[in-house]
Amino acid sequence: MDRALQVFGYLKKYPNKRILVDSRDLIITGGDEVKAEQLAASFHEEYPDTVEEIDCNLPMPLVEELAITTFVNSNHAHDKVT
Protein backbone atom coordinates (compact mmCIF):
# COMPACT_ATOMS: atom_id res chain seq x y z
CA MET A 1 0.00 0.00 0.00
CA ASP A 2 2.91 2.34 0.77
CA ARG A 3 4.33 1.85 -2.71
CA ALA A 4 0.94 2.45 -4.31
CA LEU A 5 0.66 5.72 -2.36
CA GLN A 6 4.15 6.71 -3.56
CA VAL A 7 3.11 6.07 -7.17
CA PHE A 8 -0.05 8.14 -6.83
CA GLY A 9 1.91 10.87 -5.00
CA TYR A 10 4.37 11.01 -7.89
CA LEU A 11 1.58 11.24 -10.45
CA LYS A 12 -0.12 13.97 -8.42
CA LYS A 13 3.11 15.97 -8.13
CA TYR A 14 3.93 15.55 -11.83
CA PRO A 15 0.55 15.51 -13.63
CA ASN A 16 2.13 15.65 -17.11
CA LYS A 17 4.23 12.55 -16.47
CA ARG A 18 3.20 8.92 -16.76
CA ILE A 19 4.45 5.54 -15.68
CA LEU A 20 4.84 2.92 -18.37
CA VAL A 21 4.64 -0.77 -17.52
CA ASP A 22 5.81 -3.02 -20.32
CA SER A 23 4.86 -6.69 -20.04
CA ARG A 24 7.99 -7.61 -22.01
CA ASP A 25 10.02 -6.69 -18.91
CA LEU A 26 8.77 -9.81 -17.15
CA ILE A 27 11.58 -12.30 -16.65
CA ILE A 28 10.73 -15.43 -18.62
CA THR A 29 13.44 -17.62 -20.13
CA GLY A 30 13.40 -19.03 -23.64
CA GLY A 31 12.72 -17.74 -27.13
CA ASP A 32 10.03 -15.22 -28.09
CA GLU A 33 7.43 -17.90 -28.78
CA VAL A 34 8.13 -19.61 -25.45
CA LYS A 35 7.92 -16.25 -23.68
CA ALA A 36 4.55 -15.47 -25.24
CA GLU A 37 3.17 -18.90 -24.31
CA GLN A 38 4.49 -18.68 -20.75
CA LEU A 39 3.16 -15.14 -20.38
CA ALA A 40 -0.28 -16.16 -21.64
CA ALA A 41 -0.30 -19.15 -19.27
CA SER A 42 0.71 -17.02 -16.27
CA PHE A 43 -2.00 -14.43 -17.03
CA HIS A 44 -4.56 -17.22 -17.45
CA GLU A 45 -3.59 -18.59 -14.03
CA GLU A 46 -4.00 -15.16 -12.43
CA TYR A 47 -7.18 -14.20 -14.31
CA PRO A 48 -8.93 -17.45 -15.35
CA ASP A 49 -12.27 -15.85 -16.30
CA THR A 50 -10.93 -13.23 -18.71
CA VAL A 51 -11.22 -13.36 -22.49
CA GLU A 52 -9.86 -11.05 -25.15
CA GLU A 53 -12.59 -9.04 -26.79
CA ILE A 54 -11.92 -8.35 -30.46
CA ASP A 55 -14.22 -6.03 -32.35
CA CYS A 56 -15.71 -7.90 -35.31
CA ASN A 57 -15.80 -4.64 -37.29
CA LEU A 58 -12.01 -4.30 -37.38
CA PRO A 59 -10.42 -4.74 -40.81
CA MET A 60 -8.18 -7.73 -41.46
CA PRO A 61 -4.47 -6.87 -40.99
CA LEU A 62 -2.45 -6.58 -44.18
CA VAL A 63 0.90 -7.56 -42.60
CA GLU A 64 2.19 -9.53 -39.62
CA GLU A 65 2.52 -7.84 -36.22
CA LEU A 66 5.42 -5.36 -36.06
CA ALA A 67 7.83 -4.75 -33.20
CA ILE A 68 8.67 -1.06 -32.83
CA THR A 69 11.39 0.36 -30.58
CA THR A 70 11.59 4.08 -29.82
CA PHE A 71 14.48 5.87 -28.15
CA VAL A 72 13.92 9.26 -26.53
CA ASN A 73 16.46 11.77 -25.25
CA SER A 74 14.87 13.40 -22.23
CA ASN A 75 17.71 15.85 -21.48
CA HIS A 76 16.30 18.96 -23.09
CA ALA A 77 17.65 21.39 -20.45
CA HIS A 78 21.13 21.59 -22.00
CA ASP A 79 19.95 23.23 -25.25
CA LYS A 80 18.28 26.49 -24.26
CA VAL A 81 18.26 27.92 -27.82
CA THR A 82 16.10 25.35 -29.64
PDB file of N, CA and C in Angstrom:
ATOM      1  N   MET A   1       0.814  -1.178   0.000  1.00  0.00           N
ATOM      2  CA  MET A   1       0.000   0.000   0.000  1.00  0.00           C
ATOM      3  C   MET A   1       0.870   1.259   0.000  1.00  0.00           C
ATOM      4  N   ASP A   2       2.007   1.187   0.734  1.00  0.00           N
ATOM      5  CA  ASP A   2       2.905   2.338   0.768  1.00  0.00           C
ATOM      6  C   ASP A   2       3.452   2.658  -0.612  1.00  0.00           C
ATOM      7  N   ARG A   3       3.802   1.608  -1.361  1.00  0.00           N
ATOM      8  CA  ARG A   3       4.327   1.846  -2.714  1.00  0.00           C
ATOM      9  C   ARG A   3       3.256   2.407  -3.637  1.00  0.00           C
ATOM     10  N   ALA A   4       2.031   1.931  -3.501  1.00  0.00           N
ATOM     11  CA  ALA A   4       0.938   2.454  -4.308  1.00  0.00           C
ATOM     12  C   ALA A   4       0.720   3.932  -4.005  1.00  0.00           C
ATOM     13  N   LEU A   5       0.806   4.315  -2.731  1.00  0.00           N
ATOM     14  CA  LEU A   5       0.660   5.725  -2.362  1.00  0.00           C
ATOM     15  C   LEU A   5       1.809   6.565  -2.921  1.00  0.00           C
ATOM     16  N   GLN A   6       3.021   6.001  -2.970  1.00  0.00           N
ATOM     17  CA  GLN A   6       4.150   6.713  -3.563  1.00  0.00           C
ATOM     18  C   GLN A   6       3.909   6.948  -5.053  1.00  0.00           C
ATOM     19  N   VAL A   7       3.386   5.937  -5.735  1.00  0.00           N
ATOM     20  CA  VAL A   7       3.113   6.068  -7.167  1.00  0.00           C
ATOM     21  C   VAL A   7       2.078   7.160  -7.393  1.00  0.00           C
ATOM     22  N   PHE A   8       0.988   7.125  -6.645  1.00  0.00           N
ATOM     23  CA  PHE A   8      -0.047   8.138  -6.826  1.00  0.00           C
ATOM     24  C   PHE A   8       0.447   9.520  -6.407  1.00  0.00           C
ATOM     25  N   GLY A   9       1.311   9.596  -5.392  1.00  0.00           N
ATOM     26  CA  GLY A   9       1.907  10.869  -4.997  1.00  0.00           C
ATOM     27  C   GLY A   9       2.764  11.441  -6.107  1.00  0.00           C
ATOM     28  N   TYR A  10       3.551  10.575  -6.766  1.00  0.00           N
ATOM     29  CA  TYR A  10       4.374  11.010  -7.893  1.00  0.00           C
ATOM     30  C   TYR A  10       3.503  11.540  -9.020  1.00  0.00           C
ATOM     31  N   LEU A  11       2.454  10.805  -9.364  1.00  0.00           N
ATOM     32  CA  LEU A  11       1.580  11.236 -10.449  1.00  0.00           C
ATOM     33  C   LEU A  11       0.838  12.524 -10.103  1.00  0.00           C
ATOM     34  N   LYS A  12       0.533  12.723  -8.833  1.00  0.00           N
ATOM     35  CA  LYS A  12      -0.123  13.966  -8.419  1.00  0.00           C
ATOM     36  C   LYS A  12       0.848  15.140  -8.504  1.00  0.00           C
ATOM     37  N   LYS A  13       2.104  14.907  -8.102  1.00  0.00           N
ATOM     38  CA  LYS A  13       3.113  15.965  -8.126  1.00  0.00           C
ATOM     39  C   LYS A  13       3.505  16.330  -9.553  1.00  0.00           C
ATOM     40  N   TYR A  14       3.553  15.343 -10.423  1.00  0.00           N
ATOM     41  CA  TYR A  14       3.935  15.553 -11.826  1.00  0.00           C
ATOM     42  C   TYR A  14       2.781  15.118 -12.722  1.00  0.00           C
ATOM     43  N   PRO A  15       1.748  15.941 -12.889  1.00  0.00           N
ATOM     44  CA  PRO A  15       0.555  15.515 -13.628  1.00  0.00           C
ATOM     45  C   PRO A  15       0.795  15.279 -15.118  1.00  0.00           C
ATOM     46  N   ASN A  16       1.851  15.852 -15.679  1.00  0.00           N
ATOM     47  CA  ASN A  16       2.129  15.650 -17.107  1.00  0.00           C
ATOM     48  C   ASN A  16       3.039  14.465 -17.367  1.00  0.00           C
ATOM     49  N   LYS A  17       3.386  13.740 -16.333  1.00  0.00           N
ATOM     50  CA  LYS A  17       4.228  12.547 -16.475  1.00  0.00           C
ATOM     51  C   LYS A  17       3.344  11.307 -16.482  1.00  0.00           C
ATOM     52  N   ARG A  18       3.925  10.184 -16.833  1.00  0.00           N
ATOM     53  CA  ARG A  18       3.201   8.917 -16.764  1.00  0.00           C
ATOM     54  C   ARG A  18       4.181   7.805 -16.439  1.00  0.00           C
ATOM     55  N   ILE A  19       3.651   6.709 -16.000  1.00  0.00           N
ATOM     56  CA  ILE A  19       4.453   5.535 -15.677  1.00  0.00           C
ATOM     57  C   ILE A  19       4.075   4.453 -16.660  1.00  0.00           C
ATOM     58  N   LEU A  20       5.063   3.942 -17.363  1.00  0.00           N
ATOM     59  CA  LEU A  20       4.844   2.918 -18.371  1.00  0.00           C
ATOM     60  C   LEU A  20       5.237   1.563 -17.809  1.00  0.00           C
ATOM     61  N   VAL A  21       4.350   0.605 -17.923  1.00  0.00           N
ATOM     62  CA  VAL A  21       4.641  -0.765 -17.516  1.00  0.00           C
ATOM     63  C   VAL A  21       4.589  -1.621 -18.775  1.00  0.00           C
ATOM     64  N   ASP A  22       5.700  -2.219 -19.105  1.00  0.00           N
ATOM     65  CA  ASP A  22       5.805  -3.021 -20.318  1.00  0.00           C
ATOM     66  C   ASP A  22       5.852  -4.495 -19.922  1.00  0.00           C
ATOM     67  N   SER A  23       4.908  -5.281 -20.408  1.00  0.00           N
ATOM     68  CA  SER A  23       4.857  -6.695 -20.044  1.00  0.00           C
ATOM     69  C   SER A  23       6.068  -7.461 -20.545  1.00  0.00           C
ATOM     70  N   ARG A  24       6.795  -6.930 -21.513  1.00  0.00           N
ATOM     71  CA  ARG A  24       7.992  -7.612 -22.007  1.00  0.00           C
ATOM     72  C   ARG A  24       9.116  -7.581 -20.983  1.00  0.00           C
ATOM     73  N   ASP A  25       8.995  -6.750 -19.939  1.00  0.00           N
ATOM     74  CA  ASP A  25      10.016  -6.686 -18.909  1.00  0.00           C
ATOM     75  C   ASP A  25       9.931  -7.847 -17.931  1.00  0.00           C
ATOM     76  N   LEU A  26       8.883  -8.653 -18.021  1.00  0.00           N
ATOM     77  CA  LEU A  26       8.773  -9.813 -17.149  1.00  0.00           C
ATOM     78  C   LEU A  26       9.895 -10.790 -17.471  1.00  0.00           C
ATOM     79  N   ILE A  27      10.453 -11.390 -16.446  1.00  0.00           N
ATOM     80  CA  ILE A  27      11.584 -12.298 -16.650  1.00  0.00           C
ATOM     81  C   ILE A  27      11.053 -13.693 -16.938  1.00  0.00           C
ATOM     82  N   ILE A  28      11.125 -14.088 -18.191  1.00  0.00           N
ATOM     83  CA  ILE A  28      10.725 -15.426 -18.619  1.00  0.00           C
ATOM     84  C   ILE A  28      11.819 -15.925 -19.555  1.00  0.00           C
ATOM     85  N   THR A  29      12.332 -17.113 -19.324  1.00  0.00           N
ATOM     86  CA  THR A  29      13.436 -17.621 -20.125  1.00  0.00           C
ATOM     87  C   THR A  29      12.915 -18.311 -21.373  1.00  0.00           C
ATOM     88  N   GLY A  30      13.749 -18.340 -22.405  1.00  0.00           N
ATOM     89  CA  GLY A  30      13.397 -19.027 -23.638  1.00  0.00           C
ATOM     90  C   GLY A  30      13.292 -18.053 -24.798  1.00  0.00           C
ATOM     91  N   GLY A  31      12.888 -18.575 -25.950  1.00  0.00           N
ATOM     92  CA  GLY A  31      12.719 -17.741 -27.133  1.00  0.00           C
ATOM     93  C   GLY A  31      11.442 -16.926 -27.057  1.00  0.00           C
ATOM     94  N   ASP A  32      11.201 -16.096 -28.074  1.00  0.00           N
ATOM     95  CA  ASP A  32      10.034 -15.216 -28.091  1.00  0.00           C
ATOM     96  C   ASP A  32       8.727 -16.001 -28.037  1.00  0.00           C
ATOM     97  N   GLU A  33       8.655 -17.113 -28.777  1.00  0.00           N
ATOM     98  CA  GLU A  33       7.427 -17.904 -28.782  1.00  0.00           C
ATOM     99  C   GLU A  33       7.179 -18.532 -27.416  1.00  0.00           C
ATOM    100  N   VAL A  34       8.261 -19.013 -26.789  1.00  0.00           N
ATOM    101  CA  VAL A  34       8.134 -19.613 -25.454  1.00  0.00           C
ATOM    102  C   VAL A  34       7.703 -18.542 -24.465  1.00  0.00           C
ATOM    103  N   LYS A  35       8.287 -17.340 -24.575  1.00  0.00           N
ATOM    104  CA  LYS A  35       7.920 -16.246 -23.681  1.00  0.00           C
ATOM    105  C   LYS A  35       6.441 -15.917 -23.816  1.00  0.00           C
ATOM    106  N   ALA A  36       5.947 -15.818 -25.023  1.00  0.00           N
ATOM    107  CA  ALA A  36       4.545 -15.470 -25.242  1.00  0.00           C
ATOM    108  C   ALA A  36       3.630 -16.542 -24.663  1.00  0.00           C
ATOM    109  N   GLU A  37       3.984 -17.811 -24.852  1.00  0.00           N
ATOM    110  CA  GLU A  37       3.169 -18.899 -24.309  1.00  0.00           C
ATOM    111  C   GLU A  37       3.196 -18.899 -22.784  1.00  0.00           C
ATOM    112  N   GLN A  38       4.375 -18.705 -22.202  1.00  0.00           N
ATOM    113  CA  GLN A  38       4.489 -18.675 -20.747  1.00  0.00           C
ATOM    114  C   GLN A  38       3.748 -17.472 -20.168  1.00  0.00           C
ATOM    115  N   LEU A  39       3.848 -16.336 -20.834  1.00  0.00           N
ATOM    116  CA  LEU A  39       3.164 -15.136 -20.378  1.00  0.00           C
ATOM    117  C   LEU A  39       1.655 -15.324 -20.433  1.00  0.00           C
ATOM    118  N   ALA A  40       1.158 -15.902 -21.519  1.00  0.00           N
ATOM    119  CA  ALA A  40      -0.276 -16.158 -21.635  1.00  0.00           C
ATOM    120  C   ALA A  40      -0.737 -17.139 -20.566  1.00  0.00           C
ATOM    121  N   ALA A  41       0.060 -18.165 -20.298  1.00  0.00           N
ATOM    122  CA  ALA A  41      -0.300 -19.147 -19.271  1.00  0.00           C
ATOM    123  C   ALA A  41      -0.314 -18.512 -17.886  1.00  0.00           C
ATOM    124  N   SER A  42       0.674 -17.653 -17.598  1.00  0.00           N
ATOM    125  CA  SER A  42       0.707 -17.025 -16.275  1.00  0.00           C
ATOM    126  C   SER A  42      -0.457 -16.060 -16.087  1.00  0.00           C
ATOM    127  N   PHE A  43      -0.845 -15.321 -17.141  1.00  0.00           N
ATOM    128  CA  PHE A  43      -2.003 -14.434 -17.029  1.00  0.00           C
ATOM    129  C   PHE A  43      -3.286 -15.243 -16.874  1.00  0.00           C
ATOM    130  N   HIS A  44      -3.360 -16.377 -17.564  1.00  0.00           N
ATOM    131  CA  HIS A  44      -4.558 -17.216 -17.445  1.00  0.00           C
ATOM    132  C   HIS A  44      -4.684 -17.798 -16.033  1.00  0.00           C
ATOM    133  N   GLU A  45      -3.555 -18.103 -15.414  1.00  0.00           N
ATOM    134  CA  GLU A  45      -3.585 -18.587 -14.035  1.00  0.00           C
ATOM    135  C   GLU A  45      -4.073 -17.500 -13.085  1.00  0.00           C
ATOM    136  N   GLU A  46      -3.620 -16.269 -13.305  1.00  0.00           N
ATOM    137  CA  GLU A  46      -4.002 -15.160 -12.427  1.00  0.00           C
ATOM    138  C   GLU A  46      -5.445 -14.704 -12.674  1.00  0.00           C
ATOM    139  N   TYR A  47      -5.859 -14.696 -13.936  1.00  0.00           N
ATOM    140  CA  TYR A  47      -7.182 -14.199 -14.307  1.00  0.00           C
ATOM    141  C   TYR A  47      -7.896 -15.246 -15.165  1.00  0.00           C
ATOM    142  N   PRO A  48      -8.384 -16.332 -14.566  1.00  0.00           N
ATOM    143  CA  PRO A  48      -8.925 -17.453 -15.346  1.00  0.00           C
ATOM    144  C   PRO A  48     -10.224 -17.128 -16.098  1.00  0.00           C
ATOM    145  N   ASP A  49     -10.976 -16.131 -15.668  1.00  0.00           N
ATOM    146  CA  ASP A  49     -12.266 -15.846 -16.300  1.00  0.00           C
ATOM    147  C   ASP A  49     -12.203 -14.810 -17.411  1.00  0.00           C
ATOM    148  N   THR A  50     -11.018 -14.288 -17.709  1.00  0.00           N
ATOM    149  CA  THR A  50     -10.928 -13.227 -18.714  1.00  0.00           C
ATOM    150  C   THR A  50     -10.830 -13.794 -20.127  1.00  0.00           C
ATOM    151  N   VAL A  51     -11.342 -13.037 -21.069  1.00  0.00           N
ATOM    152  CA  VAL A  51     -11.221 -13.365 -22.487  1.00  0.00           C
ATOM    153  C   VAL A  51     -10.892 -12.079 -23.236  1.00  0.00           C
ATOM    154  N   GLU A  52     -10.183 -12.205 -24.339  1.00  0.00           N
ATOM    155  CA  GLU A  52      -9.858 -11.047 -25.150  1.00  0.00           C
ATOM    156  C   GLU A  52     -11.038 -10.719 -26.046  1.00  0.00           C
ATOM    157  N   GLU A  53     -11.489  -9.481 -25.948  1.00  0.00           N
ATOM    158  CA  GLU A  53     -12.592  -9.040 -26.793  1.00  0.00           C
ATOM    159  C   GLU A  53     -12.025  -8.386 -28.044  1.00  0.00           C
ATOM    160  N   ILE A  54     -12.373  -8.912 -29.190  1.00  0.00           N
ATOM    161  CA  ILE A  54     -11.917  -8.355 -30.460  1.00  0.00           C
ATOM    162  C   ILE A  54     -13.133  -7.881 -31.227  1.00  0.00           C
ATOM    163  N   ASP A  55     -13.103  -6.621 -31.627  1.00  0.00           N
ATOM    164  CA  ASP A  55     -14.220  -6.026 -32.350  1.00  0.00           C
ATOM    165  C   ASP A  55     -14.343  -6.695 -33.720  1.00  0.00           C
ATOM    166  N   CYS A  56     -15.504  -7.214 -34.033  1.00  0.00           N
ATOM    167  CA  CYS A  56     -15.706  -7.904 -35.311  1.00  0.00           C
ATOM    168  C   CYS A  56     -15.718  -6.924 -36.485  1.00  0.00           C
ATOM    169  N   ASN A  57     -15.791  -5.634 -36.230  1.00  0.00           N
ATOM    170  CA  ASN A  57     -15.795  -4.635 -37.294  1.00  0.00           C
ATOM    171  C   ASN A  57     -14.401  -4.174 -37.692  1.00  0.00           C
ATOM    172  N   LEU A  58     -13.371  -4.679 -37.025  1.00  0.00           N
ATOM    173  CA  LEU A  58     -12.007  -4.296 -37.377  1.00  0.00           C
ATOM    174  C   LEU A  58     -11.622  -4.902 -38.722  1.00  0.00           C
ATOM    175  N   PRO A  59     -10.858  -4.167 -39.529  1.00  0.00           N
ATOM    176  CA  PRO A  59     -10.423  -4.740 -40.810  1.00  0.00           C
ATOM    177  C   PRO A  59      -9.353  -5.804 -40.583  1.00  0.00           C
ATOM    178  N   MET A  60      -9.214  -6.690 -41.538  1.00  0.00           N
ATOM    179  CA  MET A  60      -8.183  -7.726 -41.463  1.00  0.00           C
ATOM    180  C   MET A  60      -6.812  -7.066 -41.633  1.00  0.00           C
ATOM    181  N   PRO A  61      -5.809  -7.472 -40.845  1.00  0.00           N
ATOM    182  CA  PRO A  61      -4.473  -6.870 -40.986  1.00  0.00           C
ATOM    183  C   PRO A  61      -3.849  -7.266 -42.321  1.00  0.00           C
ATOM    184  N   LEU A  62      -3.101  -6.330 -42.900  1.00  0.00           N
ATOM    185  CA  LEU A  62      -2.454  -6.580 -44.183  1.00  0.00           C
ATOM    186  C   LEU A  62      -1.066  -7.200 -44.025  1.00  0.00           C
ATOM    187  N   VAL A  63      -0.446  -7.028 -42.855  1.00  0.00           N
ATOM    188  CA  VAL A  63       0.898  -7.555 -42.598  1.00  0.00           C
ATOM    189  C   VAL A  63       0.915  -8.211 -41.224  1.00  0.00           C
ATOM    190  N   GLU A  64       2.006  -8.920 -40.940  1.00  0.00           N
ATOM    191  CA  GLU A  64       2.187  -9.528 -39.618  1.00  0.00           C
ATOM    192  C   GLU A  64       2.413  -8.429 -38.583  1.00  0.00           C
ATOM    193  N   GLU A  65       2.295  -8.788 -37.312  1.00  0.00           N
ATOM    194  CA  GLU A  65       2.519  -7.837 -36.224  1.00  0.00           C
ATOM    195  C   GLU A  65       3.936  -7.301 -36.270  1.00  0.00           C
ATOM    196  N   LEU A  66       4.114  -6.002 -36.016  1.00  0.00           N
ATOM    197  CA  LEU A  66       5.417  -5.361 -36.062  1.00  0.00           C
ATOM    198  C   LEU A  66       5.909  -5.074 -34.655  1.00  0.00           C
ATOM    199  N   ALA A  67       7.209  -5.168 -34.461  1.00  0.00           N
ATOM    200  CA  ALA A  67       7.832  -4.754 -33.202  1.00  0.00           C
ATOM    201  C   ALA A  67       8.496  -3.410 -33.443  1.00  0.00           C
ATOM    202  N   ILE A  68       8.137  -2.406 -32.648  1.00  0.00           N
ATOM    203  CA  ILE A  68       8.665  -1.061 -32.831  1.00  0.00           C
ATOM    204  C   ILE A  68       9.394  -0.659 -31.556  1.00  0.00           C
ATOM    205  N   THR A  69      10.610  -0.131 -31.709  1.00  0.00           N
ATOM    206  CA  THR A  69      11.388   0.362 -30.577  1.00  0.00           C
ATOM    207  C   THR A  69      11.632   1.846 -30.782  1.00  0.00           C
ATOM    208  N   THR A  70      11.406   2.639 -29.743  1.00  0.00           N
ATOM    209  CA  THR A  70      11.595   4.080 -29.822  1.00  0.00           C
ATOM    210  C   THR A  70      12.569   4.502 -28.734  1.00  0.00           C
ATOM    211  N   PHE A  71      13.535   5.327 -29.102  1.00  0.00           N
ATOM    212  CA  PHE A  71      14.485   5.867 -28.146  1.00  0.00           C
ATOM    213  C   PHE A  71      14.221   7.363 -28.014  1.00  0.00           C
ATOM    214  N   VAL A  72      14.222   7.858 -26.781  1.00  0.00           N
ATOM    215  CA  VAL A  72      13.916   9.261 -26.527  1.00  0.00           C
ATOM    216  C   VAL A  72      15.009   9.863 -25.669  1.00  0.00           C
ATOM    217  N   ASN A  73      15.485  11.035 -26.058  1.00  0.00           N
ATOM    218  CA  ASN A  73      16.456  11.772 -25.252  1.00  0.00           C
ATOM    219  C   ASN A  73      15.667  12.754 -24.406  1.00  0.00           C
ATOM    220  N   SER A  74      15.672  12.561 -23.109  1.00  0.00           N
ATOM    221  CA  SER A  74      14.867  13.402 -22.232  1.00  0.00           C
ATOM    222  C   SER A  74      15.644  14.552 -21.624  1.00  0.00           C
ATOM    223  N   ASN A  75      16.900  14.769 -22.024  1.00  0.00           N
ATOM    224  CA  ASN A  75      17.714  15.852 -21.484  1.00  0.00           C
ATOM    225  C   ASN A  75      17.599  17.063 -22.388  1.00  0.00           C
ATOM    226  N   HIS A  76      16.528  17.794 -22.248  1.00  0.00           N
ATOM    227  CA  HIS A  76      16.299  18.965 -23.085  1.00  0.00           C
ATOM    228  C   HIS A  76      16.798  20.255 -22.425  1.00  0.00           C
ATOM    229  N   ALA A  77      17.231  20.188 -21.182  1.00  0.00           N
ATOM    230  CA  ALA A  77      17.646  21.394 -20.454  1.00  0.00           C
ATOM    231  C   ALA A  77      18.976  21.941 -20.948  1.00  0.00           C
ATOM    232  N   HIS A  78      19.814  21.117 -21.580  1.00  0.00           N
ATOM    233  CA  HIS A  78      21.130  21.590 -22.001  1.00  0.00           C
ATOM    234  C   HIS A  78      21.052  22.536 -23.185  1.00  0.00           C
ATOM    235  N   ASP A  79      20.062  22.410 -24.039  1.00  0.00           N
ATOM    236  CA  ASP A  79      19.949  23.233 -25.246  1.00  0.00           C
ATOM    237  C   ASP A  79      18.857  24.262 -25.034  1.00  0.00           C
ATOM    238  N   LYS A  80      19.256  25.452 -24.589  1.00  0.00           N
ATOM    239  CA  LYS A  80      18.279  26.489 -24.262  1.00  0.00           C
ATOM    240  C   LYS A  80      17.889  27.323 -25.483  1.00  0.00           C
ATOM    241  N   VAL A  81      18.564  27.145 -26.622  1.00  0.00           N
ATOM    242  CA  VAL A  81      18.259  27.922 -27.820  1.00  0.00           C
ATOM    243  C   VAL A  81      17.093  27.303 -28.589  1.00  0.00           C
ATOM    244  N   THR A  82      17.159  25.998 -28.838  1.00  0.00           N
ATOM    245  CA  THR A  82      16.105  25.352 -29.643  1.00  0.00           C
ATOM    246  C   THR A  82      15.220  24.524 -28.764  1.00  0.00           C
TER     247      THR A  82
END
